[in-house]
Amino acid sequence: MLRWTTAGESHGQALIALIENMPSGVPITEEEIAHHLARRRLGYGRGARMKFEADALTLLTGILHGRTLGSPIAIQIGNTEWPKWTTIMSPHPLDMDDPEVAKAMSSGRGAKLTRPRPGHADFAGMLKYGFDSARPVLERSSARETAARVAAAAVARSFLRETLGVEVFSHVISIGESTPAAGDLPTFADIEAIDASPVRAFDSEAEASMISCIEDAKKSGDTLGGVVEVIVDGLPIGLGSHISGEHRLDAQLAAALMGIQSVKGVEIGDGFEEARRRGSAAHDEMVRDETGVHRLTNRAGGLEGGMTNGEQLRVRAALKPISTVPRALKTVDMRSGEPATGIHQRSDVCAVPAGGVVAEAMVALVLARAVLEKFGGDSLEETKRNVEAYKEAVERRLAFEQDGAEEGQ
């Protein structure tokens, strides 16, 4: 089974992405990974932090001459700000009798963060892990960690492109109270235009509304959330399974997206709107023509019974407003128990456009795992052969060939 994990803290020496069981022969370059990391940094409403936190890439293991080896892949994203944090984030025991160390750990960046931010992991994390400062919690819970996921997903994207010929992309539906995007859905051919939009919107009217909302929030010292949609065309029928809950592809996608910082809800296809419809208006009727079996609509978003059904995959994620609010919210000081206001770390007004890129990453990783579970293969070429054989079998089945009848004639 394809596995991935990340390691590292926001202001530590580096983030690490580790991918296991990716077949050999998958093409991947540092430039391709850097491209997606740069896309993650896009978006109107990003803060000064994006100017400082450069992504210094190193491909450590599992890749030789631009292709995967089949062994574990480790990708490092160095922290260019590390020299400012060498004492505060040092993995080694500190000598508090050293005046310079004592000074660094008692003021500025090194001061204990005892005022947890509402909406963040600070409060529960301090209690669960026995910390007297929120620093160890926020360092790992920071959305900076998603850079490692985006790096890992670059390998998964290449695998999907090579085996299925598909691309994973996203666009922003709405930000805050902006007017949601309407009209035709974008295709992958529109990705350059989407990325060129300050808010990664496909709809120009929706873009203007989103920017206006961000400006209003910035002026009032507030933050905004929003909704992103991930789209994939060309997936084969049958990824995932109806056999058990954990094998349902919609469950896996929902879990992966809910695991992104700030995500509070996930929809597949028309999602919650389906609950408002009658059954006769909720499901996608099937028709057959000379090219196969097709749907008259795609309300299900390409998934039925936990499996892909051959239609376009559509998944939406709702992101809450960023928890670090410039206009600090009420909290309790964990040292004294007295009323206080939440600590303020450098952050953004809105990170929804970047959230779309992270959502793409998680969808790509889940789909790559589903492809390997269905088709197997230790090498890219073996997986491709298995995919082609399956697609040919499905094509024959949907041609409704009467093999038995023909043999008896």
Protein backbone atom coordinates (compact mmCIF):
# COMPACT_ATOMS: atom_id res chain seq x y z
CA MET A 1 0.00 0.00 0.00
CA LEU A 2 1.21 3.49 -0.83
CA ARG A 3 2.08 5.36 2.36
CA TRP A 4 3.14 8.90 3.08
CA THR A 5 4.02 10.91 6.14
CA THR A 6 5.68 14.19 7.02
CA ALA A 7 8.05 15.31 9.76
CA GLY A 8 9.29 18.65 10.98
CA GLU A 9 8.23 21.83 12.73
CA SER A 10 7.30 25.18 11.24
CA HIS A 11 10.47 26.94 12.45
CA GLY A 12 12.68 23.85 12.66
CA GLN A 13 15.63 23.06 10.42
CA ALA A 14 13.52 21.40 7.73
CA LEU A 15 10.34 19.61 6.78
CA ILE A 16 10.58 16.04 5.50
CA ALA A 17 8.15 14.23 3.20
CA LEU A 18 8.44 10.43 3.12
CA ILE A 19 6.69 8.30 0.48
CA GLU A 20 6.81 4.50 0.63
CA ASN A 21 5.84 1.85 -1.95
CA MET A 22 5.79 4.13 -4.98
CA PRO A 23 6.68 1.96 -8.00
CA SER A 24 9.99 2.38 -9.76
CA GLY A 25 10.30 4.41 -12.95
CA VAL A 26 8.00 7.32 -12.09
CA PRO A 27 9.54 10.51 -13.52
CA ILE A 28 10.02 13.34 -11.03
CA THR A 29 12.27 16.39 -10.90
CA GLU A 30 13.12 19.01 -8.34
CA GLU A 31 11.66 21.61 -10.73
CA GLU A 32 8.25 19.89 -10.78
CA ILE A 33 8.10 19.75 -6.99
CA ALA A 34 9.22 23.38 -6.74
CA HIS A 35 6.47 24.37 -9.20
CA HIS A 36 3.74 23.04 -6.93
CA LEU A 37 5.36 24.50 -3.81
CA ALA A 38 5.33 27.88 -5.55
CA ARG A 39 1.62 27.41 -6.35
CA ARG A 40 1.00 26.77 -2.64
CA ARG A 41 2.42 30.23 -1.91
CA LEU A 42 -0.05 31.97 -4.25
CA GLY A 43 -3.05 33.99 -3.22
CA TYR A 44 -4.39 37.42 -2.40
CA GLY A 45 -4.41 37.92 1.35
CA ARG A 46 -1.19 36.05 2.14
CA GLY A 47 0.97 37.68 4.81
CA ALA A 48 4.61 38.74 5.01
CA ARG A 49 5.50 35.20 6.09
CA MET A 50 5.40 34.06 2.45
CA LYS A 51 8.30 36.42 1.69
CA PHE A 52 10.50 34.82 4.35
CA GLU A 53 9.65 31.11 4.22
CA ALA A 54 11.37 30.05 1.01
CA ASP A 55 11.24 26.39 0.01
CA ALA A 56 14.83 25.06 -0.17
CA LEU A 57 14.41 21.62 -1.78
CA THR A 58 16.65 18.58 -1.48
CA LEU A 59 15.79 15.17 -2.95
CA LEU A 60 17.40 12.89 -0.37
CA THR A 61 16.51 9.29 -1.27
CA GLY A 62 14.53 7.04 -3.59
CA ILE A 63 15.15 8.97 -6.83
CA LEU A 64 17.92 8.33 -9.36
CA HIS A 65 18.47 10.40 -12.50
CA GLY A 66 14.93 11.77 -12.39
CA ARG A 67 13.03 8.53 -11.77
CA THR A 68 11.83 6.74 -8.66
CA LEU A 69 13.64 3.58 -7.56
CA GLY A 70 10.80 1.81 -5.76
CA SER A 71 12.53 2.44 -2.44
CA PRO A 72 11.36 5.01 0.15
CA ILE A 73 11.46 8.57 -1.18
CA ALA A 74 12.57 11.33 1.20
CA ILE A 75 12.22 14.98 0.23
CA GLN A 76 13.60 17.76 2.41
CA ILE A 77 12.35 21.35 2.46
CA GLY A 78 14.89 23.44 4.31
CA ASN A 79 13.97 26.43 6.47
CA THR A 80 15.85 29.50 5.23
CA GLU A 81 15.00 31.27 8.51
CA TRP A 82 16.63 28.57 10.63
CA PRO A 83 19.59 30.78 11.75
CA LYS A 84 17.08 32.92 13.69
CA TRP A 85 15.72 29.87 15.51
CA THR A 86 18.80 27.77 16.27
CA THR A 87 18.53 28.25 20.04
CA ILE A 88 14.75 28.38 20.43
CA MET A 89 14.15 25.28 18.29
CA SER A 90 17.36 23.42 19.11
CA PRO A 91 16.92 19.63 19.45
CA HIS A 92 19.74 19.59 22.02
CA PRO A 93 19.51 20.29 25.78
CA LEU A 94 20.04 23.98 26.60
CA ASP A 95 22.48 25.40 29.12
CA MET A 96 20.26 27.93 30.89
CA ASP A 97 23.29 29.12 32.89
CA ASP A 98 24.62 30.61 29.65
CA PRO A 99 23.50 34.28 29.69
CA GLU A 100 22.91 34.37 25.92
CA VAL A 101 20.79 31.23 26.00
CA ALA A 102 18.82 32.47 29.01
CA LYS A 103 18.14 35.76 27.26
CA ALA A 104 17.06 34.06 24.02
CA MET A 105 14.64 31.79 25.89
CA SER A 106 13.03 34.48 28.03
CA SER A 107 12.18 37.20 25.52
CA GLY A 108 11.05 37.72 21.95
CA ARG A 109 10.69 34.47 19.99
CA GLY A 110 11.86 32.41 22.96
CA ALA A 111 9.30 33.67 25.49
CA LYS A 112 6.76 31.08 26.67
CA LEU A 113 3.48 31.27 24.79
CA THR A 114 0.91 30.76 27.53
CA ARG A 115 -2.16 32.34 25.92
CA PRO A 116 -3.74 29.73 23.61
CA ARG A 117 -5.50 30.97 20.48
CA PRO A 118 -9.19 30.06 20.12
CA GLY A 119 -9.67 27.85 17.08
CA HIS A 120 -6.12 26.53 17.15
CA ALA A 121 -4.53 23.36 18.56
CA ASP A 122 -2.80 25.33 21.35
CA PHE A 123 -5.16 24.67 24.28
CA ALA A 124 -5.85 20.96 23.82
CA GLY A 125 -2.26 20.29 22.75
CA MET A 126 -0.78 21.92 25.86
CA LEU A 127 -2.99 19.83 28.12
CA LYS A 128 -2.67 16.57 26.18
CA TYR A 129 1.13 16.63 25.90
CA GLY A 130 1.95 18.38 29.17
CA PHE A 131 3.51 21.55 27.75
CA ASP A 132 3.67 24.84 29.64
CA SER A 133 3.95 26.75 26.36
CA ALA A 134 2.00 26.57 23.10
CA ARG A 135 5.24 26.69 21.09
CA PRO A 136 5.71 22.89 20.74
CA VAL A 137 2.07 22.57 19.66
CA LEU A 138 1.82 25.37 17.13
CA GLU A 139 5.16 24.43 15.55
CA ARG A 140 3.76 21.11 14.36
CA SER A 141 0.11 22.10 13.89
CA SER A 142 1.09 25.04 11.66
CA ALA A 143 -0.11 24.91 8.05
CA ARG A 144 3.55 25.23 7.07
CA GLU A 145 3.57 21.41 7.38
CA THR A 146 1.41 21.19 4.25
CA ALA A 147 4.44 22.15 2.14
CA ALA A 148 5.75 18.63 2.75
CA ARG A 149 2.42 17.12 1.66
CA VAL A 150 2.49 19.17 -1.54
CA ALA A 151 6.02 17.92 -2.21
CA ALA A 152 5.00 14.29 -1.68
CA ALA A 153 1.98 14.75 -3.92
CA ALA A 154 4.14 15.92 -6.81
CA VAL A 155 5.33 12.31 -7.09
CA ALA A 156 1.73 11.04 -6.90
CA ARG A 157 0.68 13.52 -9.61
CA SER A 158 3.38 12.21 -11.93
CA PHE A 159 2.30 8.62 -11.24
CA LEU A 160 -1.34 9.45 -12.07
CA ARG A 161 -0.30 11.29 -15.22
CA GLU A 162 1.80 8.35 -16.41
CA THR A 163 -0.65 5.57 -15.57
CA LEU A 164 -4.05 7.15 -16.24
CA GLY A 165 -3.26 10.33 -18.17
CA VAL A 166 -5.14 12.41 -15.60
CA GLU A 167 -4.40 15.71 -13.84
CA VAL A 168 -5.65 16.97 -10.48
CA PHE A 169 -6.54 20.66 -10.25
CA SER A 170 -8.64 23.03 -8.16
CA HIS A 171 -10.30 26.41 -8.09
CA VAL A 172 -11.74 28.62 -5.37
CA ILE A 173 -15.54 28.71 -5.18
CA SER A 174 -15.93 31.46 -2.57
CA ILE A 175 -14.13 33.38 0.16
CA GLY A 176 -16.00 34.65 3.20
CA GLU A 177 -19.38 36.02 2.17
CA SER A 178 -18.40 36.50 -1.48
CA THR A 179 -20.81 35.55 -4.23
CA PRO A 180 -20.04 31.89 -5.08
CA ALA A 181 -18.69 31.02 -8.51
CA ALA A 182 -21.40 29.94 -10.94
CA GLY A 183 -21.57 28.74 -14.53
CA ASP A 184 -19.45 26.17 -16.34
CA LEU A 185 -16.80 24.20 -14.48
CA PRO A 186 -13.16 24.73 -15.45
CA THR A 187 -10.99 22.09 -17.11
CA PHE A 188 -7.30 21.40 -16.63
CA ALA A 189 -6.66 23.58 -19.70
CA ASP A 190 -7.78 26.52 -17.55
CA ILE A 191 -5.21 25.93 -14.78
CA GLU A 192 -2.81 28.69 -15.90
CA ALA A 193 -5.64 31.23 -15.89
CA ILE A 194 -6.81 29.99 -12.49
CA ASP A 195 -3.32 30.25 -10.99
CA ALA A 196 -2.95 33.72 -12.52
CA SER A 197 -6.05 34.87 -10.62
CA PRO A 198 -5.13 36.59 -7.32
CA VAL A 199 -7.60 34.29 -5.56
CA ARG A 200 -7.31 31.26 -7.90
CA ALA A 201 -10.86 31.82 -9.18
CA PHE A 202 -12.16 30.66 -12.56
CA ASP A 203 -15.10 33.06 -12.53
CA SER A 204 -14.10 36.75 -12.97
CA GLU A 205 -17.16 38.11 -11.18
CA ALA A 206 -16.59 35.77 -8.25
CA GLU A 207 -12.93 36.87 -8.20
CA ALA A 208 -13.87 40.53 -7.77
CA SER A 209 -16.27 39.66 -4.96
CA MET A 210 -13.60 37.57 -3.17
CA ILE A 211 -10.98 40.33 -3.37
CA SER A 212 -13.46 42.84 -1.98
CA CYS A 213 -14.18 40.57 0.99
CA ILE A 214 -10.47 40.12 1.70
CA GLU A 215 -9.89 43.87 1.61
CA ASP A 216 -12.74 44.45 4.06
CA ALA A 217 -11.38 41.79 6.44
CA LYS A 218 -7.86 43.22 6.25
CA LYS A 219 -9.10 46.71 7.14
CA SER A 220 -11.02 45.41 10.15
CA GLY A 221 -8.16 43.22 11.44
CA ASP A 222 -9.90 39.94 10.68
CA THR A 223 -9.42 36.69 8.74
CA LEU A 224 -11.49 34.74 6.22
CA GLY A 225 -12.19 31.16 5.18
CA GLY A 226 -13.80 29.83 2.03
CA VAL A 227 -14.60 26.88 -0.22
CA VAL A 228 -12.34 25.16 -2.77
CA GLU A 229 -13.21 22.51 -5.34
CA VAL A 230 -10.88 19.79 -6.63
CA ILE A 231 -11.62 18.27 -10.05
CA VAL A 232 -10.23 15.19 -11.82
CA ASP A 233 -11.31 14.05 -15.29
CA GLY A 234 -10.66 10.66 -16.85
CA LEU A 235 -10.56 8.31 -13.87
CA PRO A 236 -11.43 4.68 -14.67
CA ILE A 237 -14.51 2.99 -13.26
CA GLY A 238 -13.86 1.00 -10.10
CA LEU A 239 -11.27 2.79 -7.96
CA GLY A 240 -12.19 2.23 -4.32
CA SER A 241 -14.66 -0.40 -3.10
CA HIS A 242 -18.11 -0.94 -1.61
CA ILE A 243 -16.89 -3.92 0.44
CA SER A 244 -16.13 -2.06 3.69
CA GLY A 245 -16.19 1.47 5.00
CA GLU A 246 -12.44 2.01 5.11
CA HIS A 247 -12.12 0.97 1.45
CA ARG A 248 -14.72 3.43 0.18
CA LEU A 249 -12.91 6.05 -1.89
CA ASP A 250 -15.22 8.85 -0.78
CA ALA A 251 -14.42 8.04 2.86
CA GLN A 252 -10.69 8.12 2.11
CA LEU A 253 -10.95 11.42 0.26
CA ALA A 254 -13.02 12.98 3.04
CA ALA A 255 -10.54 11.84 5.70
CA ALA A 256 -7.57 13.17 3.74
CA LEU A 257 -9.20 16.55 3.16
CA MET A 258 -10.42 16.84 6.75
CA GLY A 259 -6.81 16.27 7.79
CA ILE A 260 -5.81 19.61 6.27
CA GLN A 261 -5.45 22.42 8.78
CA SER A 262 -8.58 24.66 8.83
CA VAL A 263 -10.82 22.28 6.84
CA LYS A 264 -14.18 21.87 8.61
CA GLY A 265 -16.32 20.22 5.96
CA VAL A 266 -16.15 18.12 2.78
CA GLU A 267 -18.66 17.56 -0.03
CA ILE A 268 -18.57 14.96 -2.80
CA GLY A 269 -20.39 16.14 -5.91
CA ASP A 270 -23.45 18.18 -4.97
CA GLY A 271 -22.98 17.09 -1.36
CA PHE A 272 -25.34 18.68 1.13
CA GLU A 273 -27.55 20.02 -1.64
CA GLU A 274 -28.49 16.42 -2.41
CA ALA A 275 -30.21 16.18 0.98
CA ARG A 276 -32.68 18.86 -0.16
CA ARG A 277 -33.77 16.96 -3.27
CA ARG A 278 -36.16 14.11 -3.89
CA GLY A 279 -34.67 10.84 -5.03
CA SER A 280 -35.97 11.27 -8.57
CA ALA A 281 -33.98 14.51 -8.85
CA ALA A 282 -30.90 13.43 -6.91
CA HIS A 283 -29.39 10.56 -8.89
CA ASP A 284 -27.59 10.46 -12.22
CA GLU A 285 -29.53 8.56 -14.89
CA MET A 286 -27.58 6.36 -17.29
CA VAL A 287 -27.78 6.16 -21.07
CA ARG A 288 -25.88 4.12 -23.63
CA ASP A 289 -24.49 5.31 -26.95
CA GLU A 290 -21.85 4.12 -29.42
CA THR A 291 -19.03 5.12 -27.04
CA GLY A 292 -20.37 3.39 -23.94
CA VAL A 293 -22.53 4.11 -20.89
CA HIS A 294 -22.78 7.72 -19.71
CA ARG A 295 -24.65 9.84 -17.17
CA LEU A 296 -27.10 12.60 -18.00
CA THR A 297 -25.89 14.53 -14.93
CA ASN A 298 -23.05 14.27 -12.41
CA ARG A 299 -24.63 15.13 -9.08
CA ALA A 300 -22.72 12.28 -7.41
CA GLY A 301 -19.41 13.88 -8.34
CA GLY A 302 -18.02 10.75 -9.97
CA LEU A 303 -18.43 8.46 -6.94
CA GLU A 304 -21.14 5.91 -6.23
CA GLY A 305 -21.03 3.19 -3.59
CA GLY A 306 -17.50 4.19 -2.61
CA MET A 307 -16.17 3.70 -6.16
CA THR A 308 -15.39 5.89 -9.15
CA ASN A 309 -18.08 5.55 -11.82
CA GLY A 310 -16.20 7.01 -14.79
CA GLU A 311 -17.58 10.53 -14.48
CA GLN A 312 -15.70 13.65 -13.42
CA LEU A 313 -14.55 13.56 -9.79
CA ARG A 314 -15.65 16.70 -7.90
CA VAL A 315 -14.76 17.25 -4.25
CA ARG A 316 -15.20 20.43 -2.22
CA ALA A 317 -13.58 21.44 1.06
CA ALA A 318 -14.70 24.24 3.39
CA LEU A 319 -11.91 26.06 5.22
CA LYS A 320 -12.62 28.04 8.37
CA PRO A 321 -11.06 31.50 8.87
CA ILE A 322 -7.42 31.47 10.01
CA SER A 323 -7.25 31.06 13.80
CA THR A 324 -4.53 33.67 14.31
CA VAL A 325 -6.70 36.79 14.28
CA PRO A 326 -4.92 40.17 14.35
CA ARG A 327 -7.77 41.50 16.47
CA ALA A 328 -6.92 39.05 19.25
CA LEU A 329 -9.75 36.98 20.74
CA LYS A 330 -10.44 36.34 24.42
CA THR A 331 -8.63 33.43 26.05
CA VAL A 332 -7.19 32.31 29.39
CA ASP A 333 -3.52 32.59 30.36
CA MET A 334 -2.44 29.00 31.10
CA ARG A 335 0.21 30.19 33.56
CA SER A 336 -1.97 32.37 35.77
CA GLY A 337 -5.54 31.40 34.90
CA GLU A 338 -6.31 35.06 34.31
CA PRO A 339 -8.34 36.44 31.38
CA ALA A 340 -6.13 37.31 28.40
CA THR A 341 -6.09 37.75 24.63
CA GLY A 342 -4.72 35.11 22.27
CA ILE A 343 -1.08 35.19 21.22
CA HIS A 344 -0.46 36.62 17.76
CA GLN A 345 1.90 34.85 15.39
CA ARG A 346 2.76 36.20 11.94
CA SER A 347 -0.01 34.96 9.65
CA ASP A 348 -2.29 35.65 6.69
CA VAL A 349 -5.70 37.27 6.25
CA CYS A 350 -6.82 34.47 3.94
CA ALA A 351 -5.10 31.25 2.85
CA VAL A 352 -7.98 29.71 0.88
CA PRO A 353 -6.24 29.94 -2.55
CA ALA A 354 -3.27 28.02 -1.13
CA GLY A 355 -5.72 25.63 0.53
CA GLY A 356 -6.90 24.58 -2.92
CA VAL A 357 -3.37 23.50 -3.86
CA VAL A 358 -3.06 21.52 -0.62
CA ALA A 359 -6.45 19.90 -1.30
CA GLU A 360 -5.20 18.89 -4.76
CA ALA A 361 -2.21 17.28 -3.08
CA MET A 362 -4.30 15.15 -0.75
CA VAL A 363 -6.65 14.06 -3.55
CA ALA A 364 -3.64 13.11 -5.70
CA LEU A 365 -2.11 11.02 -2.92
CA VAL A 366 -5.37 9.19 -2.17
CA LEU A 367 -6.00 8.50 -5.87
CA ALA A 368 -2.45 7.21 -6.39
CA ARG A 369 -2.96 4.82 -3.47
CA ALA A 370 -6.29 3.68 -4.92
CA VAL A 371 -4.69 3.04 -8.31
CA LEU A 372 -1.96 0.90 -6.74
CA GLU A 373 -4.50 -1.02 -4.64
CA LYS A 374 -6.52 -1.78 -7.77
CA PHE A 375 -3.75 -2.42 -10.29
CA GLY A 376 -0.59 -3.17 -8.29
CA GLY A 377 2.82 -3.12 -9.90
CA ASP A 378 6.39 -2.82 -8.66
CA SER A 379 7.35 -0.72 -11.67
CA LEU A 380 5.53 2.02 -13.54
CA GLU A 381 5.47 -0.10 -16.69
CA GLU A 382 3.86 -3.03 -14.86
CA THR A 383 1.13 -0.79 -13.45
CA LYS A 384 0.50 0.71 -16.90
CA ARG A 385 0.11 -2.77 -18.42
CA ASN A 386 -2.38 -3.72 -15.73
CA VAL A 387 -4.34 -0.50 -16.23
CA GLU A 388 -4.55 -1.02 -19.98
CA ALA A 389 -5.69 -4.63 -19.61
CA TYR A 390 -8.45 -3.58 -17.20
CA LYS A 391 -9.60 -0.71 -19.41
CA GLU A 392 -9.81 -3.05 -22.39
CA ALA A 393 -11.87 -5.52 -20.35
CA VAL A 394 -14.26 -2.77 -19.22
CA GLU A 395 -14.57 -1.50 -22.78
CA ARG A 396 -15.48 -4.99 -24.01
CA ARG A 397 -18.00 -5.42 -21.21
CA LEU A 398 -19.68 -2.11 -21.97
CA ALA A 399 -19.84 -3.00 -25.65
CA PHE A 400 -22.22 -5.79 -24.52
CA GLU A 401 -20.57 -8.31 -26.79
CA GLN A 402 -22.52 -11.55 -27.12
CA ASP A 403 -19.50 -13.86 -27.09
CA GLY A 404 -21.42 -16.90 -26.00
CA ALA A 405 -24.22 -16.36 -28.52
CA GLU A 406 -21.75 -15.80 -31.34
CA GLU A 407 -19.88 -19.02 -30.53
CA GLY A 408 -23.13 -20.98 -30.70
CA GLN A 409 -24.06 -19.66 -34.13
